[in-house]
Amino acid sequence: ENKQATGAGADRVSQGMRLSFGKNVGTAARVKRGEVVISIHTRPEFYLQARDALRKASMKLPTPCTIKVVKGAETLKGLV
């Protein structure tokens, strides 16, 4: 954000938009399609809670997300 002086005599104090680099307002990650954003290792009995947590976390991201089971899908027996 570029701070601006306000009030009486602000035009004599402020430099306007000269060198208006400002401060960082937020952070962002540049993520490409197919790139892993979050990875979870869990036990089979906690799979449903982990999947629900990932689903809730994906709603906070500004891009469509998918949840993939990479290893151990055979031990989940129909939960995937």
PDB file of N, CA and C in Angstrom:
ATOM      1  N   GLU A   1       0.839  -1.170   0.000  1.00  0.00           N
ATOM      2  CA  GLU A   1       0.000   0.000   0.000  1.00  0.00           C
ATOM      3  C   GLU A   1       0.888   1.239   0.000  1.00  0.00           C
ATOM      4  N   ASN A   2       0.471   2.225  -0.746  1.00  0.00           N
ATOM      5  CA  ASN A   2       1.177   3.495  -0.798  1.00  0.00           C
ATOM      6  C   ASN A   2       0.482   4.462   0.146  1.00  0.00           C
ATOM      7  N   LYS A   3       1.137   4.783   1.263  1.00  0.00           N
ATOM      8  CA  LYS A   3       0.544   5.679   2.256  1.00  0.00           C
ATOM      9  C   LYS A   3       0.489   7.093   1.695  1.00  0.00           C
ATOM     10  N   GLN A   4      -0.631   7.745   1.912  1.00  0.00           N
ATOM     11  CA  GLN A   4      -0.823   9.114   1.457  1.00  0.00           C
ATOM     12  C   GLN A   4      -1.005  10.023   2.668  1.00  0.00           C
ATOM     13  N   ALA A   5      -0.358  11.176   2.645  1.00  0.00           N
ATOM     14  CA  ALA A   5      -0.539  12.153   3.712  1.00  0.00           C
ATOM     15  C   ALA A   5      -1.883  12.843   3.530  1.00  0.00           C
ATOM     16  N   THR A   6      -2.557  13.088   4.649  1.00  0.00           N
ATOM     17  CA  THR A   6      -3.856  13.759   4.598  1.00  0.00           C
ATOM     18  C   THR A   6      -3.839  14.951   5.538  1.00  0.00           C
ATOM     19  N   GLY A   7      -4.795  15.808   5.370  1.00  0.00           N
ATOM     20  CA  GLY A   7      -4.927  16.960   6.251  1.00  0.00           C
ATOM     21  C   GLY A   7      -4.348  18.216   5.627  1.00  0.00           C
ATOM     22  N   ALA A   8      -4.311  19.280   6.443  1.00  0.00           N
ATOM     23  CA  ALA A   8      -3.831  20.576   5.969  1.00  0.00           C
ATOM     24  C   ALA A   8      -2.335  20.513   5.675  1.00  0.00           C
ATOM     25  N   GLY A   9      -1.940  20.994   4.533  1.00  0.00           N
ATOM     26  CA  GLY A   9      -0.531  21.035   4.144  1.00  0.00           C
ATOM     27  C   GLY A   9       0.009  19.710   3.640  1.00  0.00           C
ATOM     28  N   ALA A  10      -0.866  18.777   3.360  1.00  0.00           N
ATOM     29  CA  ALA A  10      -0.402  17.467   2.903  1.00  0.00           C
ATOM     30  C   ALA A  10       0.270  17.559   1.541  1.00  0.00           C
ATOM     31  N   ASP A  11      -0.128  18.531   0.732  1.00  0.00           N
ATOM     32  CA  ASP A  11       0.464  18.659  -0.599  1.00  0.00           C
ATOM     33  C   ASP A  11       1.928  19.081  -0.525  1.00  0.00           C
ATOM     34  N   ARG A  12       2.328  19.754   0.550  1.00  0.00           N
ATOM     35  CA  ARG A  12       3.729  20.157   0.688  1.00  0.00           C
ATOM     36  C   ARG A  12       4.593  19.035   1.256  1.00  0.00           C
ATOM     37  N   VAL A  13       3.976  18.107   1.994  1.00  0.00           N
ATOM     38  CA  VAL A  13       4.720  17.017   2.628  1.00  0.00           C
ATOM     39  C   VAL A  13       4.794  15.803   1.713  1.00  0.00           C
ATOM     40  N   SER A  14       3.692  15.485   1.080  1.00  0.00           N
ATOM     41  CA  SER A  14       3.589  14.266   0.288  1.00  0.00           C
ATOM     42  C   SER A  14       4.302  14.414  -1.051  1.00  0.00           C
ATOM     43  N   GLN A  15       4.832  13.310  -1.533  1.00  0.00           N
ATOM     44  CA  GLN A  15       5.462  13.275  -2.848  1.00  0.00           C
ATOM     45  C   GLN A  15       4.528  12.698  -3.905  1.00  0.00           C
ATOM     46  N   GLY A  16       3.283  12.466  -3.539  1.00  0.00           N
ATOM     47  CA  GLY A  16       2.328  11.927  -4.498  1.00  0.00           C
ATOM     48  C   GLY A  16       2.656  10.496  -4.862  1.00  0.00           C
ATOM     49  N   MET A  17       2.701  10.207  -6.163  1.00  0.00           N
ATOM     50  CA  MET A  17       2.972   8.844  -6.622  1.00  0.00           C
ATOM     51  C   MET A  17       4.453   8.629  -6.948  1.00  0.00           C
ATOM     52  N   ARG A  18       5.305   9.575  -6.623  1.00  0.00           N
ATOM     53  CA  ARG A  18       6.733   9.412  -6.866  1.00  0.00           C
ATOM     54  C   ARG A  18       7.291   8.335  -5.941  1.00  0.00           C
ATOM     55  N   LEU A  19       7.999   7.352  -6.481  1.00  0.00           N
ATOM     56  CA  LEU A  19       8.563   6.222  -5.732  1.00  0.00           C
ATOM     57  C   LEU A  19       7.503   5.520  -4.886  1.00  0.00           C
ATOM     58  N   SER A  20       6.371   5.253  -5.482  1.00  0.00           N
ATOM     59  CA  SER A  20       5.243   4.678  -4.733  1.00  0.00           C
ATOM     60  C   SER A  20       5.284   3.153  -4.765  1.00  0.00           C
ATOM     61  N   PHE A  21       6.365   2.581  -4.251  1.00  0.00           N
ATOM     62  CA  PHE A  21       6.482   1.128  -4.239  1.00  0.00           C
ATOM     63  C   PHE A  21       5.612   0.527  -3.152  1.00  0.00           C
ATOM     64  N   GLY A  22       5.483   1.202  -2.035  1.00  0.00           N
ATOM     65  CA  GLY A  22       4.585   0.753  -0.978  1.00  0.00           C
ATOM     66  C   GLY A  22       5.079  -0.489  -0.262  1.00  0.00           C
ATOM     67  N   LYS A  23       4.169  -1.067   0.513  1.00  0.00           N
ATOM     68  CA  LYS A  23       4.458  -2.271   1.279  1.00  0.00           C
ATOM     69  C   LYS A  23       3.679  -3.438   0.696  1.00  0.00           C
ATOM     70  N   ASN A  24       4.154  -4.645   0.987  1.00  0.00           N
ATOM     71  CA  ASN A  24       3.431  -5.836   0.545  1.00  0.00           C
ATOM     72  C   ASN A  24       2.088  -5.911   1.249  1.00  0.00           C
ATOM     73  N   VAL A  25       1.057  -6.236   0.488  1.00  0.00           N
ATOM     74  CA  VAL A  25      -0.282  -6.349   1.049  1.00  0.00           C
ATOM     75  C   VAL A  25      -0.603  -7.807   1.354  1.00  0.00           C
ATOM     76  N   GLY A  26      -0.120  -8.735   0.541  1.00  0.00           N
ATOM     77  CA  GLY A  26      -0.402 -10.154   0.752  1.00  0.00           C
ATOM     78  C   GLY A  26       0.672 -11.011   0.120  1.00  0.00           C
ATOM     79  N   THR A  27       0.468 -12.312   0.199  1.00  0.00           N
ATOM     80  CA  THR A  27       1.391 -13.255  -0.414  1.00  0.00           C
ATOM     81  C   THR A  27       0.613 -14.168  -1.355  1.00  0.00           C
ATOM     82  N   ALA A  28       1.298 -14.710  -2.316  1.00  0.00           N
ATOM     83  CA  ALA A  28       0.651 -15.602  -3.276  1.00  0.00           C
ATOM     84  C   ALA A  28       1.660 -16.638  -3.751  1.00  0.00           C
ATOM     85  N   ALA A  29       1.147 -17.788  -4.148  1.00  0.00           N
ATOM     86  CA  ALA A  29       1.981 -18.846  -4.721  1.00  0.00           C
ATOM     87  C   ALA A  29       1.585 -19.029  -6.171  1.00  0.00           C
ATOM     88  N   ARG A  30       2.554 -19.118  -7.047  1.00  0.00           N
ATOM     89  CA  ARG A  30       2.271 -19.367  -8.460  1.00  0.00           C
ATOM     90  C   ARG A  30       2.259 -20.870  -8.676  1.00  0.00           C
ATOM     91  N   VAL A  31       1.076 -21.404  -8.874  1.00  0.00           N
ATOM     92  CA  VAL A  31       0.889 -22.845  -9.002  1.00  0.00           C
ATOM     93  C   VAL A  31       0.381 -23.152 -10.394  1.00  0.00           C
ATOM     94  N   LYS A  32       0.994 -24.135 -11.029  1.00  0.00           N
ATOM     95  CA  LYS A  32       0.579 -24.539 -12.370  1.00  0.00           C
ATOM     96  C   LYS A  32      -0.339 -25.749 -12.291  1.00  0.00           C
ATOM     97  N   ARG A  33      -1.046 -26.017 -13.374  1.00  0.00           N
ATOM     98  CA  ARG A  33      -1.967 -27.152 -13.443  1.00  0.00           C
ATOM     99  C   ARG A  33      -1.209 -28.456 -13.201  1.00  0.00           C
ATOM    100  N   GLY A  34      -1.758 -29.303 -12.347  1.00  0.00           N
ATOM    101  CA  GLY A  34      -1.150 -30.587 -12.044  1.00  0.00           C
ATOM    102  C   GLY A  34      -0.122 -30.551 -10.929  1.00  0.00           C
ATOM    103  N   GLU A  35       0.166 -29.385 -10.383  1.00  0.00           N
ATOM    104  CA  GLU A  35       1.157 -29.262  -9.328  1.00  0.00           C
ATOM    105  C   GLU A  35       0.525 -29.572  -7.970  1.00  0.00           C
ATOM    106  N   VAL A  36       1.256 -30.272  -7.107  1.00  0.00           N
ATOM    107  CA  VAL A  36       0.753 -30.638  -5.784  1.00  0.00           C
ATOM    108  C   VAL A  36       0.859 -29.436  -4.858  1.00  0.00           C
ATOM    109  N   VAL A  37      -0.251 -29.110  -4.198  1.00  0.00           N
ATOM    110  CA  VAL A  37      -0.272 -27.986  -3.261  1.00  0.00           C
ATOM    111  C   VAL A  37      -0.197 -28.494  -1.825  1.00  0.00           C
ATOM    112  N   ILE A  38      -0.978 -29.521  -1.494  1.00  0.00           N
ATOM    113  CA  ILE A  38      -1.002 -30.085  -0.146  1.00  0.00           C
ATOM    114  C   ILE A  38      -0.870 -31.599  -0.258  1.00  0.00           C
ATOM    115  N   SER A  39      -0.075 -32.180   0.635  1.00  0.00           N
ATOM    116  CA  SER A  39       0.096 -33.627   0.673  1.00  0.00           C
ATOM    117  C   SER A  39      -0.122 -34.099   2.107  1.00  0.00           C
ATOM    118  N   ILE A  40      -0.905 -35.180   2.276  1.00  0.00           N
ATOM    119  CA  ILE A  40      -1.203 -35.704   3.611  1.00  0.00           C
ATOM    120  C   ILE A  40      -0.854 -37.186   3.650  1.00  0.00           C
ATOM    121  N   HIS A  41      -0.191 -37.615   4.722  1.00  0.00           N
ATOM    122  CA  HIS A  41       0.047 -39.029   5.004  1.00  0.00           C
ATOM    123  C   HIS A  41      -0.826 -39.371   6.206  1.00  0.00           C
ATOM    124  N   THR A  42      -1.691 -40.381   6.063  1.00  0.00           N
ATOM    125  CA  THR A  42      -2.601 -40.734   7.150  1.00  0.00           C
ATOM    126  C   THR A  42      -2.827 -42.236   7.190  1.00  0.00           C
ATOM    127  N   ARG A  43      -3.410 -42.695   8.268  1.00  0.00           N
ATOM    128  CA  ARG A  43      -3.776 -44.103   8.413  1.00  0.00           C
ATOM    129  C   ARG A  43      -5.128 -44.341   7.763  1.00  0.00           C
ATOM    130  N   PRO A  44      -5.404 -45.585   7.365  1.00  0.00           N
ATOM    131  CA  PRO A  44      -6.685 -45.870   6.693  1.00  0.00           C
ATOM    132  C   PRO A  44      -7.911 -45.504   7.522  1.00  0.00           C
ATOM    133  N   GLU A  45      -7.839 -45.631   8.845  1.00  0.00           N
ATOM    134  CA  GLU A  45      -9.013 -45.318   9.669  1.00  0.00           C
ATOM    135  C   GLU A  45      -9.313 -43.819   9.727  1.00  0.00           C
ATOM    136  N   PHE A  46      -8.342 -42.990   9.376  1.00  0.00           N
ATOM    137  CA  PHE A  46      -8.554 -41.543   9.377  1.00  0.00           C
ATOM    138  C   PHE A  46      -8.715 -40.976   7.970  1.00  0.00           C
ATOM    139  N   TYR A  47      -8.912 -41.861   6.986  1.00  0.00           N
ATOM    140  CA  TYR A  47      -8.992 -41.406   5.596  1.00  0.00           C
ATOM    141  C   TYR A  47     -10.149 -40.437   5.371  1.00  0.00           C
ATOM    142  N   LEU A  48     -11.327 -40.752   5.909  1.00  0.00           N
ATOM    143  CA  LEU A  48     -12.494 -39.891   5.667  1.00  0.00           C
ATOM    144  C   LEU A  48     -12.297 -38.499   6.266  1.00  0.00           C
ATOM    145  N   GLN A  49     -11.692 -38.421   7.452  1.00  0.00           N
ATOM    146  CA  GLN A  49     -11.425 -37.116   8.061  1.00  0.00           C
ATOM    147  C   GLN A  49     -10.389 -36.337   7.255  1.00  0.00           C
ATOM    148  N   ALA A  50      -9.375 -37.038   6.744  1.00  0.00           N
ATOM    149  CA  ALA A  50      -8.344 -36.372   5.942  1.00  0.00           C
ATOM    150  C   ALA A  50      -8.927 -35.859   4.637  1.00  0.00           C
ATOM    151  N   ARG A  51      -9.779 -36.670   4.008  1.00  0.00           N
ATOM    152  CA  ARG A  51     -10.406 -36.246   2.752  1.00  0.00           C
ATOM    153  C   ARG A  51     -11.306 -35.038   2.978  1.00  0.00           C
ATOM    154  N   ASP A  52     -12.054 -35.038   4.095  1.00  0.00           N
ATOM    155  CA  ASP A  52     -12.926 -33.906   4.403  1.00  0.00           C
ATOM    156  C   ASP A  52     -12.102 -32.650   4.690  1.00  0.00           C
ATOM    157  N   ALA A  53     -10.971 -32.811   5.379  1.00  0.00           N
ATOM    158  CA  ALA A  53     -10.099 -31.664   5.656  1.00  0.00           C
ATOM    159  C   ALA A  53      -9.535 -31.084   4.366  1.00  0.00           C
ATOM    160  N   LEU A  54      -9.135 -31.950   3.432  1.00  0.00           N
ATOM    161  CA  LEU A  54      -8.625 -31.464   2.148  1.00  0.00           C
ATOM    162  C   LEU A  54      -9.719 -30.781   1.335  1.00  0.00           C
ATOM    163  N   ARG A  55     -10.945 -31.314   1.409  1.00  0.00           N
ATOM    164  CA  ARG A  55     -12.060 -30.696   0.691  1.00  0.00           C
ATOM    165  C   ARG A  55     -12.330 -29.293   1.239  1.00  0.00           C
ATOM    166  N   LYS A  56     -12.311 -29.147   2.566  1.00  0.00           N
ATOM    167  CA  LYS A  56     -12.541 -27.834   3.176  1.00  0.00           C
ATOM    168  C   LYS A  56     -11.406 -26.872   2.844  1.00  0.00           C
ATOM    169  N   ALA A  57     -10.172 -27.377   2.826  1.00  0.00           N
ATOM    170  CA  ALA A  57      -9.029 -26.525   2.490  1.00  0.00           C
ATOM    171  C   ALA A  57      -9.083 -26.086   1.038  1.00  0.00           C
ATOM    172  N   SER A  58      -9.582 -26.961   0.149  1.00  0.00           N
ATOM    173  CA  SER A  58      -9.633 -26.605  -1.270  1.00  0.00           C
ATOM    174  C   SER A  58     -10.632 -25.492  -1.538  1.00  0.00           C
ATOM    175  N   MET A  59     -11.636 -25.355  -0.673  1.00  0.00           N
ATOM    176  CA  MET A  59     -12.607 -24.268  -0.845  1.00  0.00           C
ATOM    177  C   MET A  59     -11.997 -22.903  -0.536  1.00  0.00           C
ATOM    178  N   LYS A  60     -10.902 -22.888   0.211  1.00  0.00           N
ATOM    179  CA  LYS A  60     -10.225 -21.629   0.540  1.00  0.00           C
ATOM    180  C   LYS A  60      -9.292 -21.167  -0.576  1.00  0.00           C
ATOM    181  N   LEU A  61      -9.019 -22.040  -1.533  1.00  0.00           N
ATOM    182  CA  LEU A  61      -8.112 -21.701  -2.625  1.00  0.00           C
ATOM    183  C   LEU A  61      -8.898 -21.159  -3.818  1.00  0.00           C
ATOM    184  N   PRO A  62      -8.327 -20.214  -4.549  1.00  0.00           N
ATOM    185  CA  PRO A  62      -9.059 -19.575  -5.649  1.00  0.00           C
ATOM    186  C   PRO A  62      -9.027 -20.353  -6.962  1.00  0.00           C
ATOM    187  N   THR A  63      -8.757 -21.637  -6.907  1.00  0.00           N
ATOM    188  CA  THR A  63      -8.663 -22.433  -8.121  1.00  0.00           C
ATOM    189  C   THR A  63      -9.337 -23.781  -7.895  1.00  0.00           C
ATOM    190  N   PRO A  64      -9.833 -24.430  -8.930  1.00  0.00           N
ATOM    191  CA  PRO A  64     -10.410 -25.762  -8.749  1.00  0.00           C
ATOM    192  C   PRO A  64      -9.350 -26.769  -8.301  1.00  0.00           C
ATOM    193  N   CYS A  65      -9.706 -27.644  -7.359  1.00  0.00           N
ATOM    194  CA  CYS A  65      -8.763 -28.619  -6.823  1.00  0.00           C
ATOM    195  C   CYS A  65      -9.349 -30.019  -6.910  1.00  0.00           C
ATOM    196  N   THR A  66      -8.481 -31.003  -7.017  1.00  0.00           N
ATOM    197  CA  THR A  66      -8.891 -32.402  -6.979  1.00  0.00           C
ATOM    198  C   THR A  66      -8.116 -33.106  -5.874  1.00  0.00           C
ATOM    199  N   ILE A  67      -8.717 -34.161  -5.323  1.00  0.00           N
ATOM    200  CA  ILE A  67      -8.087 -34.957  -4.274  1.00  0.00           C
ATOM    201  C   ILE A  67      -7.772 -36.323  -4.866  1.00  0.00           C
ATOM    202  N   LYS A  68      -6.498 -36.711  -4.815  1.00  0.00           N
ATOM    203  CA  LYS A  68      -6.068 -37.991  -5.373  1.00  0.00           C
ATOM    204  C   LYS A  68      -5.440 -38.842  -4.282  1.00  0.00           C
ATOM    205  N   VAL A  69      -5.769 -40.141  -4.293  1.00  0.00           N
ATOM    206  CA  VAL A  69      -5.104 -41.101  -3.420  1.00  0.00           C
ATOM    207  C   VAL A  69      -3.991 -41.724  -4.245  1.00  0.00           C
ATOM    208  N   VAL A  70      -2.750 -41.458  -3.849  1.00  0.00           N
ATOM    209  CA  VAL A  70      -1.604 -41.900  -4.632  1.00  0.00           C
ATOM    210  C   VAL A  70      -1.183 -43.311  -4.240  1.00  0.00           C
ATOM    211  N   LYS A  71      -1.199 -43.604  -2.947  1.00  0.00           N
ATOM    212  CA  LYS A  71      -0.694 -44.888  -2.474  1.00  0.00           C
ATOM    213  C   LYS A  71      -1.652 -45.435  -1.415  1.00  0.00           C
ATOM    214  N   GLY A  72      -1.948 -46.723  -1.474  1.00  0.00           N
ATOM    215  CA  GLY A  72      -2.773 -47.353  -0.456  1.00  0.00           C
ATOM    216  C   GLY A  72      -4.254 -47.376  -0.760  1.00  0.00           C
ATOM    217  N   ALA A  73      -4.652 -47.143  -2.008  1.00  0.00           N
ATOM    218  CA  ALA A  73      -6.073 -47.152  -2.358  1.00  0.00           C
ATOM    219  C   ALA A  73      -6.686 -48.534  -2.168  1.00  0.00           C
ATOM    220  N   GLU A  74      -5.874 -49.592  -2.301  1.00  0.00           N
ATOM    221  CA  GLU A  74      -6.410 -50.950  -2.150  1.00  0.00           C
ATOM    222  C   GLU A  74      -6.774 -51.269  -0.699  1.00  0.00           C
ATOM    223  N   THR A  75      -6.178 -50.587   0.269  1.00  0.00           N
ATOM    224  CA  THR A  75      -6.492 -50.850   1.676  1.00  0.00           C
ATOM    225  C   THR A  75      -7.731 -50.102   2.152  1.00  0.00           C
ATOM    226  N   LEU A  76      -8.229 -49.168   1.363  1.00  0.00           N
ATOM    227  CA  LEU A  76      -9.383 -48.381   1.793  1.00  0.00           C
ATOM    228  C   LEU A  76     -10.706 -49.093   1.531  1.00  0.00           C
ATOM    229  N   LYS A  77     -10.756 -50.076   0.665  1.00  0.00           N
ATOM    230  CA  LYS A  77     -11.913 -50.946   0.432  1.00  0.00           C
ATOM    231  C   LYS A  77     -13.205 -50.170   0.204  1.00  0.00           C
ATOM    232  N   GLY A  78     -13.282 -49.458  -0.901  1.00  0.00           N
ATOM    233  CA  GLY A  78     -14.518 -48.787  -1.288  1.00  0.00           C
ATOM    234  C   GLY A  78     -14.712 -47.389  -0.736  1.00  0.00           C
ATOM    235  N   LEU A  79     -13.806 -46.882   0.069  1.00  0.00           N
ATOM    236  CA  LEU A  79     -13.947 -45.524   0.596  1.00  0.00           C
ATOM    237  C   LEU A  79     -13.493 -44.473  -0.401  1.00  0.00           C
ATOM    238  N   VAL A  80     -12.688 -44.885  -1.376  1.00  0.00           N
ATOM    239  CA  VAL A  80     -12.148 -43.930  -2.349  1.00  0.00           C
ATOM    240  C   VAL A  80     -13.216 -43.572  -3.347  1.00  0.00           C
TER     241      VAL A  80
END
